[in-house]
Amino acid sequence: MTASPRTAAPTADLAPRLTIVPALHPPLRGPVVALVDPTTPPPRPPHRPGPRPAADGGRRADLLGPAWSARARLPDPRAAGRLLFTTVLEALAGRRPLSQVQRLTAPGVHGALLAGRRPAWCAGGTTPVLLGPVHVCEPVDGVAEVSAVARRAGRAHAVAARLEGVGGHWRCTALSIG
């Protein structure tokens, strides 16, 4: 007896092949079954920055420019973040010149502040900008990511920056004002 075309099983070429892989999860008491498609590439690992160039204590700074600074040679990032946010927000509000921000920021950030539009909440009005506590995260030696909430006229706005240790001081290399 031969099988008719209607009752024939689908061929392996038409259906994707799945493999069952047991995966252990610590909070669960038994294995969990995960379906894995063998044709899908494995997920990429999260980005982890590599080691930073070694700081030489500034001995060759005159030849190569400022050297990267290790965290042990840098001041408190929370105070540096508060100074940066206060200076930038006051400059954007028109209470101080933008040139005072230049020593705290990388050339690209300073150029973007000069060329960019000022946020309406920051530029308009006479109400002072109140800066909340500064939060710090240090993902790599010599790098700090700082954030805070700025309040003005009953509204809250996020400010965040990436600080990198260069020449024994923190320098802002990325800035976001919400």
Protein backbone atom coordinates (compact mmCIF):
# COMPACT_ATOMS: atom_id res chain seq x y z
CA MET A 1 0.00 0.00 0.00
CA THR A 2 1.41 3.37 -0.98
CA ALA A 3 0.73 6.69 0.68
CA SER A 4 -1.33 9.18 -1.24
CA PRO A 5 0.02 12.69 -1.80
CA ARG A 6 -2.54 14.10 0.67
CA THR A 7 -1.37 12.03 3.64
CA ALA A 8 2.37 12.31 3.05
CA ALA A 9 4.37 13.90 5.90
CA PRO A 10 5.98 17.28 5.13
CA THR A 11 9.59 17.05 4.10
CA ALA A 12 12.39 18.36 6.30
CA ASP A 13 13.33 20.94 3.66
CA LEU A 14 10.06 22.86 4.08
CA ALA A 15 9.85 23.15 7.88
CA PRO A 16 12.58 24.82 9.98
CA ARG A 17 14.29 22.44 12.29
CA LEU A 18 14.20 23.26 16.00
CA THR A 19 16.34 21.79 18.71
CA ILE A 20 15.22 21.52 22.34
CA VAL A 21 17.93 22.63 24.75
CA PRO A 22 17.44 22.43 28.54
CA ALA A 23 18.42 25.68 30.26
CA LEU A 24 18.87 26.06 34.00
CA HIS A 25 17.65 29.18 35.71
CA PRO A 26 18.66 29.73 39.37
CA PRO A 27 15.26 30.81 40.81
CA LEU A 28 13.44 27.88 39.19
CA ARG A 29 13.58 24.39 40.61
CA GLY A 30 13.82 22.46 37.38
CA PRO A 31 15.10 22.82 33.85
CA VAL A 32 13.34 25.11 31.44
CA VAL A 33 12.91 24.08 27.82
CA ALA A 34 14.04 26.66 25.27
CA LEU A 35 13.46 26.33 21.54
CA VAL A 36 16.55 27.25 19.52
CA ASP A 37 16.57 27.63 15.77
CA PRO A 38 19.95 26.26 14.55
CA THR A 39 19.95 28.60 11.53
CA THR A 40 19.82 31.74 13.71
CA PRO A 41 23.23 33.06 14.73
CA PRO A 42 23.84 33.33 18.48
CA PRO A 43 23.18 36.75 20.02
CA ARG A 44 26.08 39.18 20.18
CA PRO A 45 27.57 39.74 23.63
CA PRO A 46 27.05 43.19 25.17
CA HIS A 47 29.67 45.81 24.36
CA ARG A 48 32.40 45.98 26.94
CA PRO A 49 34.99 48.69 26.31
CA GLY A 50 38.57 47.52 26.16
CA PRO A 51 41.37 48.80 28.34
CA ARG A 52 42.20 52.46 28.13
CA PRO A 53 45.67 53.66 27.19
CA ALA A 54 48.02 53.66 30.16
CA ALA A 55 48.56 57.05 31.74
CA ASP A 56 52.20 58.00 32.00
CA GLY A 57 51.71 60.67 34.64
CA GLY A 58 51.85 63.51 32.11
CA ARG A 59 55.55 63.06 31.27
CA ARG A 60 54.84 62.96 27.52
CA ALA A 61 51.86 65.33 27.57
CA ASP A 62 53.91 68.01 25.84
CA LEU A 63 54.61 65.66 22.91
CA LEU A 64 51.32 63.81 22.53
CA GLY A 65 48.77 66.07 24.20
CA PRO A 66 47.00 65.37 27.49
CA ALA A 67 47.26 61.81 28.82
CA TRP A 68 44.40 59.63 30.05
CA SER A 69 44.09 59.75 33.82
CA ALA A 70 43.41 56.82 36.10
CA ARG A 71 40.55 57.15 38.60
CA ALA A 72 42.95 57.36 41.53
CA ARG A 73 44.36 60.64 40.12
CA LEU A 74 41.00 62.30 39.47
CA PRO A 75 38.78 64.39 41.78
CA ASP A 76 35.29 63.40 42.87
CA PRO A 77 33.09 62.87 39.76
CA ARG A 78 29.94 63.92 41.64
CA ALA A 79 31.35 67.40 42.30
CA ALA A 80 32.64 67.64 38.72
CA GLY A 81 29.21 66.64 37.38
CA ARG A 82 27.44 69.21 39.56
CA LEU A 83 29.85 71.94 38.38
CA LEU A 84 29.35 70.93 34.73
CA PHE A 85 25.54 70.82 34.93
CA THR A 86 25.32 74.11 36.83
CA THR A 87 27.68 75.88 34.43
CA VAL A 88 25.97 74.55 31.28
CA LEU A 89 22.42 75.26 32.49
CA GLU A 90 23.34 78.78 33.60
CA ALA A 91 25.06 79.41 30.26
CA LEU A 92 22.05 78.14 28.32
CA ALA A 93 19.79 80.35 30.46
CA GLY A 94 21.94 83.37 29.52
CA ARG A 95 23.29 84.00 33.02
CA ARG A 96 26.94 83.33 32.08
CA PRO A 97 28.88 83.22 28.80
CA LEU A 98 29.18 79.89 26.97
CA SER A 99 32.95 80.38 26.88
CA GLN A 100 33.05 79.36 30.56
CA VAL A 101 31.87 75.88 29.55
CA GLN A 102 34.84 75.39 27.21
CA ARG A 103 37.32 74.30 29.89
CA LEU A 104 34.90 71.61 31.13
CA THR A 105 33.99 70.07 27.76
CA ALA A 106 35.63 68.42 24.78
CA PRO A 107 35.81 70.56 21.61
CA GLY A 108 32.94 68.68 19.95
CA VAL A 109 30.58 69.21 22.89
CA HIS A 110 31.47 72.88 23.17
CA GLY A 111 30.96 73.36 19.43
CA ALA A 112 27.56 71.68 19.63
CA LEU A 113 26.54 73.97 22.50
CA LEU A 114 27.61 77.03 20.50
CA ALA A 115 25.83 75.91 17.31
CA GLY A 116 22.76 74.29 18.86
CA ARG A 117 19.45 75.73 19.89
CA ARG A 118 18.81 76.38 23.54
CA PRO A 119 15.97 74.39 25.09
CA ALA A 120 12.93 76.63 25.62
CA TRP A 121 12.58 75.55 29.26
CA CYS A 122 16.17 76.57 29.93
CA ALA A 123 16.39 79.80 27.93
CA GLY A 124 13.05 81.39 28.82
CA GLY A 125 11.83 82.81 32.10
CA THR A 126 13.47 84.17 35.20
CA THR A 127 12.78 81.27 37.54
CA PRO A 128 16.04 79.72 38.77
CA VAL A 129 17.01 76.21 37.67
CA LEU A 130 17.24 73.83 40.61
CA LEU A 131 19.56 70.86 40.21
CA GLY A 132 18.79 67.67 42.13
CA PRO A 133 21.33 65.15 43.43
CA VAL A 134 23.94 64.00 40.92
CA HIS A 135 24.11 60.24 40.33
CA VAL A 136 27.40 58.65 39.26
CA CYS A 137 28.25 55.40 37.48
CA GLU A 138 31.85 54.48 36.66
CA PRO A 139 31.81 51.79 33.94
CA VAL A 140 35.57 51.87 33.22
CA ASP A 141 38.61 53.23 35.06
CA GLY A 142 38.85 56.93 34.32
CA VAL A 143 35.29 57.25 32.95
CA ALA A 144 32.22 58.47 34.84
CA GLU A 145 28.63 58.81 33.66
CA VAL A 146 26.70 61.39 35.66
CA SER A 147 23.03 62.29 35.62
CA ALA A 148 20.67 64.58 37.50
CA VAL A 149 17.19 66.09 37.35
CA ALA A 150 16.90 69.83 36.73
CA ARG A 151 13.68 71.52 37.86
CA ARG A 152 12.34 74.82 36.67
CA ALA A 153 8.87 76.31 37.04
CA GLY A 154 7.39 73.04 38.32
CA ARG A 155 8.75 70.92 35.44
CA ALA A 156 11.48 68.26 35.65
CA HIS A 157 14.10 67.67 32.95
CA ALA A 158 16.87 65.07 32.75
CA VAL A 159 20.50 66.01 32.21
CA ALA A 160 23.26 63.45 31.67
CA ALA A 161 26.93 63.53 30.71
CA ARG A 162 29.92 61.28 30.14
CA LEU A 163 33.09 62.45 31.85
CA GLU A 164 36.53 61.16 30.93
CA GLY A 165 39.69 61.74 32.91
CA VAL A 166 42.19 63.68 30.81
CA GLY A 167 45.28 65.35 32.23
CA GLY A 168 44.17 64.89 35.84
CA HIS A 169 40.76 66.58 35.32
CA TRP A 170 37.29 65.45 34.26
CA ARG A 171 36.28 66.50 30.74
CA CYS A 172 32.74 66.14 29.35
CA THR A 173 32.76 64.15 26.10
CA ALA A 174 28.98 63.68 25.73
CA LEU A 175 26.09 65.76 27.04
CA SER A 176 22.34 65.27 26.89
CA ILE A 177 19.77 67.78 28.09
CA GLY A 178 16.14 66.64 28.01
